[in-house]
Amino acid sequence: MHLAEMETSHDADYMDRLINEHQAADYLCYSVRALQNWRVRGGGPKFVKVSGRSVRYTRRDLQVWINERRVTCTSAQIL
């Protein structure tokens, strides 16, 4: 069993708990700067604006965003 599977089996809120942009970037294997650009330009995963300078994500929203980008061939259009 993978670490993520063990965490979800012991923690019912794992996928819905808010995480910061550094944790979200790690989850996606992208940079924090990429997340920041997506928030300004659009096209990135859904996020929660906690305050003027504080942003959070849920793993569920990150996973939905990943799943929306799954393709079966290189000619498939990305959203």
PDB file of N, CA and C in Angstrom:
ATOM      1  N   MET A   1       0.852  -1.181   0.000  1.00  0.00           N
ATOM      2  CA  MET A   1       0.000   0.000   0.000  1.00  0.00           C
ATOM      3  C   MET A   1       0.893   1.239   0.000  1.00  0.00           C
ATOM      4  N   HIS A   2       0.570   2.207  -0.863  1.00  0.00           N
ATOM      5  CA  HIS A   2       1.333   3.450  -0.954  1.00  0.00           C
ATOM      6  C   HIS A   2       1.012   4.355   0.236  1.00  0.00           C
ATOM      7  N   LEU A   3       1.904   5.288   0.506  1.00  0.00           N
ATOM      8  CA  LEU A   3       1.729   6.219   1.617  1.00  0.00           C
ATOM      9  C   LEU A   3       0.414   6.985   1.503  1.00  0.00           C
ATOM     10  N   ALA A   4       0.099   7.482   0.300  1.00  0.00           N
ATOM     11  CA  ALA A   4      -1.150   8.237   0.120  1.00  0.00           C
ATOM     12  C   ALA A   4      -2.363   7.370   0.425  1.00  0.00           C
ATOM     13  N   GLU A   5      -2.321   6.104   0.028  1.00  0.00           N
ATOM     14  CA  GLU A   5      -3.432   5.203   0.311  1.00  0.00           C
ATOM     15  C   GLU A   5      -3.562   4.959   1.803  1.00  0.00           C
ATOM     16  N   MET A   6      -2.422   4.826   2.492  1.00  0.00           N
ATOM     17  CA  MET A   6      -2.461   4.619   3.941  1.00  0.00           C
ATOM     18  C   MET A   6      -3.027   5.850   4.633  1.00  0.00           C
ATOM     19  N   GLU A   7      -2.632   7.038   4.170  1.00  0.00           N
ATOM     20  CA  GLU A   7      -3.130   8.265   4.787  1.00  0.00           C
ATOM     21  C   GLU A   7      -4.628   8.406   4.580  1.00  0.00           C
ATOM     22  N   THR A   8      -5.124   8.079   3.385  1.00  0.00           N
ATOM     23  CA  THR A   8      -6.556   8.228   3.123  1.00  0.00           C
ATOM     24  C   THR A   8      -7.368   7.190   3.870  1.00  0.00           C
ATOM     25  N   SER A   9      -6.804   6.015   4.083  1.00  0.00           N
ATOM     26  CA  SER A   9      -7.560   4.989   4.798  1.00  0.00           C
ATOM     27  C   SER A   9      -7.691   5.320   6.283  1.00  0.00           C
ATOM     28  N   HIS A  10      -6.785   6.106   6.824  1.00  0.00           N
ATOM     29  CA  HIS A  10      -6.822   6.486   8.231  1.00  0.00           C
ATOM     30  C   HIS A  10      -7.416   7.878   8.453  1.00  0.00           C
ATOM     31  N   ASP A  11      -7.577   8.641   7.400  1.00  0.00           N
ATOM     32  CA  ASP A  11      -8.015  10.025   7.526  1.00  0.00           C
ATOM     33  C   ASP A  11      -9.103  10.308   6.485  1.00  0.00           C
ATOM     34  N   ALA A  12     -10.333  10.307   6.924  1.00  0.00           N
ATOM     35  CA  ALA A  12     -11.473  10.483   6.016  1.00  0.00           C
ATOM     36  C   ALA A  12     -11.459  11.840   5.325  1.00  0.00           C
ATOM     37  N   ASP A  13     -10.815  12.837   5.913  1.00  0.00           N
ATOM     38  CA  ASP A  13     -10.797  14.191   5.353  1.00  0.00           C
ATOM     39  C   ASP A  13      -9.569  14.479   4.494  1.00  0.00           C
ATOM     40  N   TYR A  14      -8.741  13.488   4.266  1.00  0.00           N
ATOM     41  CA  TYR A  14      -7.468  13.697   3.572  1.00  0.00           C
ATOM     42  C   TYR A  14      -7.639  14.429   2.241  1.00  0.00           C
ATOM     43  N   MET A  15      -8.572  14.006   1.407  1.00  0.00           N
ATOM     44  CA  MET A  15      -8.744  14.595   0.072  1.00  0.00           C
ATOM     45  C   MET A  15      -9.389  15.983   0.123  1.00  0.00           C
ATOM     46  N   ASP A  16     -10.109  16.293   1.188  1.00  0.00           N
ATOM     47  CA  ASP A  16     -10.830  17.569   1.277  1.00  0.00           C
ATOM     48  C   ASP A  16     -10.175  18.584   2.204  1.00  0.00           C
ATOM     49  N   ARG A  17      -9.133  18.198   2.902  1.00  0.00           N
ATOM     50  CA  ARG A  17      -8.454  19.131   3.801  1.00  0.00           C
ATOM     51  C   ARG A  17      -7.702  20.173   2.984  1.00  0.00           C
ATOM     52  N   LEU A  18      -7.743  21.419   3.422  1.00  0.00           N
ATOM     53  CA  LEU A  18      -7.042  22.494   2.728  1.00  0.00           C
ATOM     54  C   LEU A  18      -5.539  22.361   2.900  1.00  0.00           C
ATOM     55  N   ILE A  19      -4.819  22.555   1.794  1.00  0.00           N
ATOM     56  CA  ILE A  19      -3.357  22.535   1.818  1.00  0.00           C
ATOM     57  C   ILE A  19      -2.857  23.833   1.191  1.00  0.00           C
ATOM     58  N   ASN A  20      -1.651  24.237   1.544  1.00  0.00           N
ATOM     59  CA  ASN A  20      -1.115  25.495   1.023  1.00  0.00           C
ATOM     60  C   ASN A  20      -0.548  25.301  -0.390  1.00  0.00           C
ATOM     61  N   GLU A  21      -0.135  26.387  -1.008  1.00  0.00           N
ATOM     62  CA  GLU A  21       0.306  26.309  -2.394  1.00  0.00           C
ATOM     63  C   GLU A  21       1.602  25.520  -2.558  1.00  0.00           C
ATOM     64  N   HIS A  22       2.444  25.475  -1.547  1.00  0.00           N
ATOM     65  CA  HIS A  22       3.672  24.676  -1.626  1.00  0.00           C
ATOM     66  C   HIS A  22       3.329  23.187  -1.646  1.00  0.00           C
ATOM     67  N   GLN A  23       2.391  22.784  -0.800  1.00  0.00           N
ATOM     68  CA  GLN A  23       1.958  21.389  -0.777  1.00  0.00           C
ATOM     69  C   GLN A  23       1.243  21.031  -2.083  1.00  0.00           C
ATOM     70  N   ALA A  24       0.442  21.957  -2.605  1.00  0.00           N
ATOM     71  CA  ALA A  24      -0.270  21.723  -3.863  1.00  0.00           C
ATOM     72  C   ALA A  24       0.730  21.588  -5.019  1.00  0.00           C
ATOM     73  N   ALA A  25       1.735  22.440  -5.038  1.00  0.00           N
ATOM     74  CA  ALA A  25       2.757  22.362  -6.084  1.00  0.00           C
ATOM     75  C   ALA A  25       3.485  21.020  -6.014  1.00  0.00           C
ATOM     76  N   ASP A  26       3.804  20.567  -4.818  1.00  0.00           N
ATOM     77  CA  ASP A  26       4.441  19.259  -4.651  1.00  0.00           C
ATOM     78  C   ASP A  26       3.529  18.145  -5.148  1.00  0.00           C
ATOM     79  N   TYR A  27       2.253  18.227  -4.823  1.00  0.00           N
ATOM     80  CA  TYR A  27       1.280  17.216  -5.235  1.00  0.00           C
ATOM     81  C   TYR A  27       1.231  17.112  -6.758  1.00  0.00           C
ATOM     82  N   LEU A  28       1.283  18.270  -7.437  1.00  0.00           N
ATOM     83  CA  LEU A  28       1.191  18.312  -8.894  1.00  0.00           C
ATOM     84  C   LEU A  28       2.540  18.143  -9.597  1.00  0.00           C
ATOM     85  N   CYS A  29       3.623  18.197  -8.833  1.00  0.00           N
ATOM     86  CA  CYS A  29       4.979  18.178  -9.406  1.00  0.00           C
ATOM     87  C   CYS A  29       5.194  19.390 -10.324  1.00  0.00           C
ATOM     88  N   TYR A  30       4.682  20.517  -9.892  1.00  0.00           N
ATOM     89  CA  TYR A  30       4.876  21.796 -10.571  1.00  0.00           C
ATOM     90  C   TYR A  30       5.451  22.778  -9.568  1.00  0.00           C
ATOM     91  N   SER A  31       5.832  23.944 -10.068  1.00  0.00           N
ATOM     92  CA  SER A  31       6.370  24.975  -9.182  1.00  0.00           C
ATOM     93  C   SER A  31       5.234  25.806  -8.588  1.00  0.00           C
ATOM     94  N   VAL A  32       5.534  26.461  -7.481  1.00  0.00           N
ATOM     95  CA  VAL A  32       4.589  27.396  -6.877  1.00  0.00           C
ATOM     96  C   VAL A  32       4.301  28.515  -7.861  1.00  0.00           C
ATOM     97  N   ARG A  33       5.314  28.949  -8.603  1.00  0.00           N
ATOM     98  CA  ARG A  33       5.153  30.008  -9.594  1.00  0.00           C
ATOM     99  C   ARG A  33       4.139  29.605 -10.668  1.00  0.00           C
ATOM    100  N   ALA A  34       4.136  28.351 -11.080  1.00  0.00           N
ATOM    101  CA  ALA A  34       3.156  27.878 -12.070  1.00  0.00           C
ATOM    102  C   ALA A  34       1.742  28.010 -11.509  1.00  0.00           C
ATOM    103  N   LEU A  35       1.548  27.615 -10.244  1.00  0.00           N
ATOM    104  CA  LEU A  35       0.233  27.761  -9.615  1.00  0.00           C
ATOM    105  C   LEU A  35      -0.186  29.224  -9.568  1.00  0.00           C
ATOM    106  N   GLN A  36       0.739  30.086  -9.207  1.00  0.00           N
ATOM    107  CA  GLN A  36       0.436  31.514  -9.140  1.00  0.00           C
ATOM    108  C   GLN A  36       0.044  32.061 -10.509  1.00  0.00           C
ATOM    109  N   ASN A  37       0.750  31.660 -11.545  1.00  0.00           N
ATOM    110  CA  ASN A  37       0.411  32.096 -12.898  1.00  0.00           C
ATOM    111  C   ASN A  37      -0.957  31.597 -13.317  1.00  0.00           C
ATOM    112  N   TRP A  38      -1.274  30.348 -13.020  1.00  0.00           N
ATOM    113  CA  TRP A  38      -2.585  29.798 -13.367  1.00  0.00           C
ATOM    114  C   TRP A  38      -3.701  30.548 -12.649  1.00  0.00           C
ATOM    115  N   ARG A  39      -3.457  30.944 -11.403  1.00  0.00           N
ATOM    116  CA  ARG A  39      -4.495  31.691 -10.681  1.00  0.00           C
ATOM    117  C   ARG A  39      -4.779  33.028 -11.350  1.00  0.00           C
ATOM    118  N   VAL A  40      -3.761  33.672 -11.888  1.00  0.00           N
ATOM    119  CA  VAL A  40      -3.928  34.968 -12.540  1.00  0.00           C
ATOM    120  C   VAL A  40      -4.534  34.804 -13.933  1.00  0.00           C
ATOM    121  N   ARG A  41      -4.032  33.836 -14.680  1.00  0.00           N
ATOM    122  CA  ARG A  41      -4.409  33.677 -16.089  1.00  0.00           C
ATOM    123  C   ARG A  41      -5.576  32.718 -16.307  1.00  0.00           C
ATOM    124  N   GLY A  42      -5.869  31.901 -15.300  1.00  0.00           N
ATOM    125  CA  GLY A  42      -6.904  30.883 -15.458  1.00  0.00           C
ATOM    126  C   GLY A  42      -6.314  29.587 -15.986  1.00  0.00           C
ATOM    127  N   GLY A  43      -7.110  28.546 -15.946  1.00  0.00           N
ATOM    128  CA  GLY A  43      -6.682  27.261 -16.469  1.00  0.00           C
ATOM    129  C   GLY A  43      -6.111  26.315 -15.440  1.00  0.00           C
ATOM    130  N   GLY A  44      -5.872  26.792 -14.248  1.00  0.00           N
ATOM    131  CA  GLY A  44      -5.327  25.941 -13.206  1.00  0.00           C
ATOM    132  C   GLY A  44      -6.419  25.284 -12.390  1.00  0.00           C
ATOM    133  N   PRO A  45      -6.020  24.540 -11.369  1.00  0.00           N
ATOM    134  CA  PRO A  45      -7.001  23.886 -10.506  1.00  0.00           C
ATOM    135  C   PRO A  45      -7.785  24.900  -9.675  1.00  0.00           C
ATOM    136  N   LYS A  46      -8.972  24.501  -9.250  1.00  0.00           N
ATOM    137  CA  LYS A  46      -9.765  25.348  -8.358  1.00  0.00           C
ATOM    138  C   LYS A  46      -8.998  25.588  -7.079  1.00  0.00           C
ATOM    139  N   PHE A  47      -9.221  26.751  -6.489  1.00  0.00           N
ATOM    140  CA  PHE A  47      -8.544  27.100  -5.235  1.00  0.00           C
ATOM    141  C   PHE A  47      -9.498  27.866  -4.340  1.00  0.00           C
ATOM    142  N   VAL A  48      -9.101  27.991  -3.084  1.00  0.00           N
ATOM    143  CA  VAL A  48      -9.885  28.719  -2.089  1.00  0.00           C
ATOM    144  C   VAL A  48      -9.075  29.942  -1.688  1.00  0.00           C
ATOM    145  N   LYS A  49      -9.667  31.104  -1.816  1.00  0.00           N
ATOM    146  CA  LYS A  49      -8.988  32.336  -1.402  1.00  0.00           C
ATOM    147  C   LYS A  49      -9.400  32.614   0.039  1.00  0.00           C
ATOM    148  N   VAL A  50      -8.511  32.288   0.959  1.00  0.00           N
ATOM    149  CA  VAL A  50      -8.794  32.407   2.385  1.00  0.00           C
ATOM    150  C   VAL A  50      -8.759  33.864   2.821  1.00  0.00           C
ATOM    151  N   SER A  51      -7.815  34.619   2.273  1.00  0.00           N
ATOM    152  CA  SER A  51      -7.711  36.051   2.548  1.00  0.00           C
ATOM    153  C   SER A  51      -7.035  36.698   1.346  1.00  0.00           C
ATOM    154  N   GLY A  52      -6.734  37.964   1.439  1.00  0.00           N
ATOM    155  CA  GLY A  52      -6.134  38.672   0.325  1.00  0.00           C
ATOM    156  C   GLY A  52      -4.861  38.048  -0.209  1.00  0.00           C
ATOM    157  N   ARG A  53      -4.078  37.455   0.661  1.00  0.00           N
ATOM    158  CA  ARG A  53      -2.797  36.884   0.244  1.00  0.00           C
ATOM    159  C   ARG A  53      -2.666  35.405   0.569  1.00  0.00           C
ATOM    160  N   SER A  54      -3.732  34.788   1.018  1.00  0.00           N
ATOM    161  CA  SER A  54      -3.663  33.393   1.427  1.00  0.00           C
ATOM    162  C   SER A  54      -4.572  32.535   0.556  1.00  0.00           C
ATOM    163  N   VAL A  55      -3.970  31.553  -0.097  1.00  0.00           N
ATOM    164  CA  VAL A  55      -4.688  30.664  -1.008  1.00  0.00           C
ATOM    165  C   VAL A  55      -4.486  29.231  -0.542  1.00  0.00           C
ATOM    166  N   ARG A  56      -5.521  28.434  -0.673  1.00  0.00           N
ATOM    167  CA  ARG A  56      -5.459  27.021  -0.311  1.00  0.00           C
ATOM    168  C   ARG A  56      -6.095  26.186  -1.413  1.00  0.00           C
ATOM    169  N   TYR A  57      -5.739  24.917  -1.432  1.00  0.00           N
ATOM    170  CA  TYR A  57      -6.270  23.950  -2.387  1.00  0.00           C
ATOM    171  C   TYR A  57      -6.745  22.720  -1.627  1.00  0.00           C
ATOM    172  N   THR A  58      -7.587  21.918  -2.266  1.00  0.00           N
ATOM    173  CA  THR A  58      -7.883  20.591  -1.729  1.00  0.00           C
ATOM    174  C   THR A  58      -7.263  19.573  -2.679  1.00  0.00           C
ATOM    175  N   ARG A  59      -6.839  18.465  -2.150  1.00  0.00           N
ATOM    176  CA  ARG A  59      -6.294  17.401  -2.988  1.00  0.00           C
ATOM    177  C   ARG A  59      -7.358  16.897  -3.961  1.00  0.00           C
ATOM    178  N   ARG A  60      -8.615  16.924  -3.543  1.00  0.00           N
ATOM    179  CA  ARG A  60      -9.704  16.478  -4.422  1.00  0.00           C
ATOM    180  C   ARG A  60      -9.774  17.369  -5.670  1.00  0.00           C
ATOM    181  N   ASP A  61      -9.711  18.697  -5.483  1.00  0.00           N
ATOM    182  CA  ASP A  61      -9.734  19.604  -6.632  1.00  0.00           C
ATOM    183  C   ASP A  61      -8.501  19.422  -7.513  1.00  0.00           C
ATOM    184  N   LEU A  62      -7.352  19.184  -6.899  1.00  0.00           N
ATOM    185  CA  LEU A  62      -6.140  18.941  -7.677  1.00  0.00           C
ATOM    186  C   LEU A  62      -6.290  17.668  -8.497  1.00  0.00           C
ATOM    187  N   GLN A  63      -6.848  16.626  -7.889  1.00  0.00           N
ATOM    188  CA  GLN A  63      -7.024  15.360  -8.589  1.00  0.00           C
ATOM    189  C   GLN A  63      -8.048  15.491  -9.721  1.00  0.00           C
ATOM    190  N   VAL A  64      -9.104  16.255  -9.507  1.00  0.00           N
ATOM    191  CA  VAL A  64     -10.090  16.505 -10.566  1.00  0.00           C
ATOM    192  C   VAL A  64      -9.397  17.204 -11.735  1.00  0.00           C
ATOM    193  N   TRP A  65      -8.590  18.201 -11.451  1.00  0.00           N
ATOM    194  CA  TRP A  65      -7.871  18.948 -12.485  1.00  0.00           C
ATOM    195  C   TRP A  65      -6.948  18.015 -13.272  1.00  0.00           C
ATOM    196  N   ILE A  66      -6.261  17.134 -12.563  1.00  0.00           N
ATOM    197  CA  ILE A  66      -5.397  16.148 -13.219  1.00  0.00           C
ATOM    198  C   ILE A  66      -6.230  15.246 -14.129  1.00  0.00           C
ATOM    199  N   ASN A  67      -7.319  14.722 -13.601  1.00  0.00           N
ATOM    200  CA  ASN A  67      -8.157  13.792 -14.361  1.00  0.00           C
ATOM    201  C   ASN A  67      -8.758  14.439 -15.606  1.00  0.00           C
ATOM    202  N   GLU A  68      -9.062  15.728 -15.543  1.00  0.00           N
ATOM    203  CA  GLU A  68      -9.609  16.445 -16.699  1.00  0.00           C
ATOM    204  C   GLU A  68      -8.584  16.562 -17.825  1.00  0.00           C
ATOM    205  N   ARG A  69      -7.322  16.372 -17.525  1.00  0.00           N
ATOM    206  CA  ARG A  69      -6.263  16.509 -18.515  1.00  0.00           C
ATOM    207  C   ARG A  69      -5.744  15.179 -19.036  1.00  0.00           C
ATOM    208  N   ARG A  70      -6.343  14.095 -18.625  1.00  0.00           N
ATOM    209  CA  ARG A  70      -5.917  12.783 -19.127  1.00  0.00           C
ATOM    210  C   ARG A  70      -6.267  12.668 -20.605  1.00  0.00           C
ATOM    211  N   VAL A  71      -5.315  12.189 -21.368  1.00  0.00           N
ATOM    212  CA  VAL A  71      -5.525  12.012 -22.807  1.00  0.00           C
ATOM    213  C   VAL A  71      -5.046  10.623 -23.214  1.00  0.00           C
ATOM    214  N   THR A  72      -5.490  10.192 -24.388  1.00  0.00           N
ATOM    215  CA  THR A  72      -5.092   8.883 -24.888  1.00  0.00           C
ATOM    216  C   THR A  72      -4.178   8.970 -26.098  1.00  0.00           C
ATOM    217  N   CYS A  73      -4.029  10.169 -26.668  1.00  0.00           N
ATOM    218  CA  CYS A  73      -3.102  10.340 -27.783  1.00  0.00           C
ATOM    219  C   CYS A  73      -2.581  11.779 -27.789  1.00  0.00           C
ATOM    220  N   THR A  74      -1.504  12.007 -28.501  1.00  0.00           N
ATOM    221  CA  THR A  74      -0.874  13.325 -28.482  1.00  0.00           C
ATOM    222  C   THR A  74      -1.646  14.390 -29.236  1.00  0.00           C
ATOM    223  N   SER A  75      -2.585  13.993 -30.092  1.00  0.00           N
ATOM    224  CA  SER A  75      -3.360  14.987 -30.831  1.00  0.00           C
ATOM    225  C   SER A  75      -4.589  15.457 -30.081  1.00  0.00           C
ATOM    226  N   ALA A  76      -4.839  14.926 -28.886  1.00  0.00           N
ATOM    227  CA  ALA A  76      -6.000  15.347 -28.089  1.00  0.00           C
ATOM    228  C   ALA A  76      -5.825  16.793 -27.644  1.00  0.00           C
ATOM    229  N   GLN A  77      -6.913  17.534 -27.658  1.00  0.00           N
ATOM    230  CA  GLN A  77      -6.884  18.933 -27.256  1.00  0.00           C
ATOM    231  C   GLN A  77      -6.930  19.055 -25.738  1.00  0.00           C
ATOM    232  N   ILE A  78      -6.101  19.922 -25.177  1.00  0.00           N
ATOM    233  CA  ILE A  78      -6.132  20.217 -23.745  1.00  0.00           C
ATOM    234  C   ILE A  78      -7.054  21.399 -23.539  1.00  0.00           C
ATOM    235  N   LEU A  79      -7.819  21.356 -22.464  1.00  0.00           N
ATOM    236  CA  LEU A  79      -8.786  22.431 -22.161  1.00  0.00           C
ATOM    237  C   LEU A  79      -8.137  23.783 -22.089  1.00  0.00           C
TER     238      LEU A  79
END
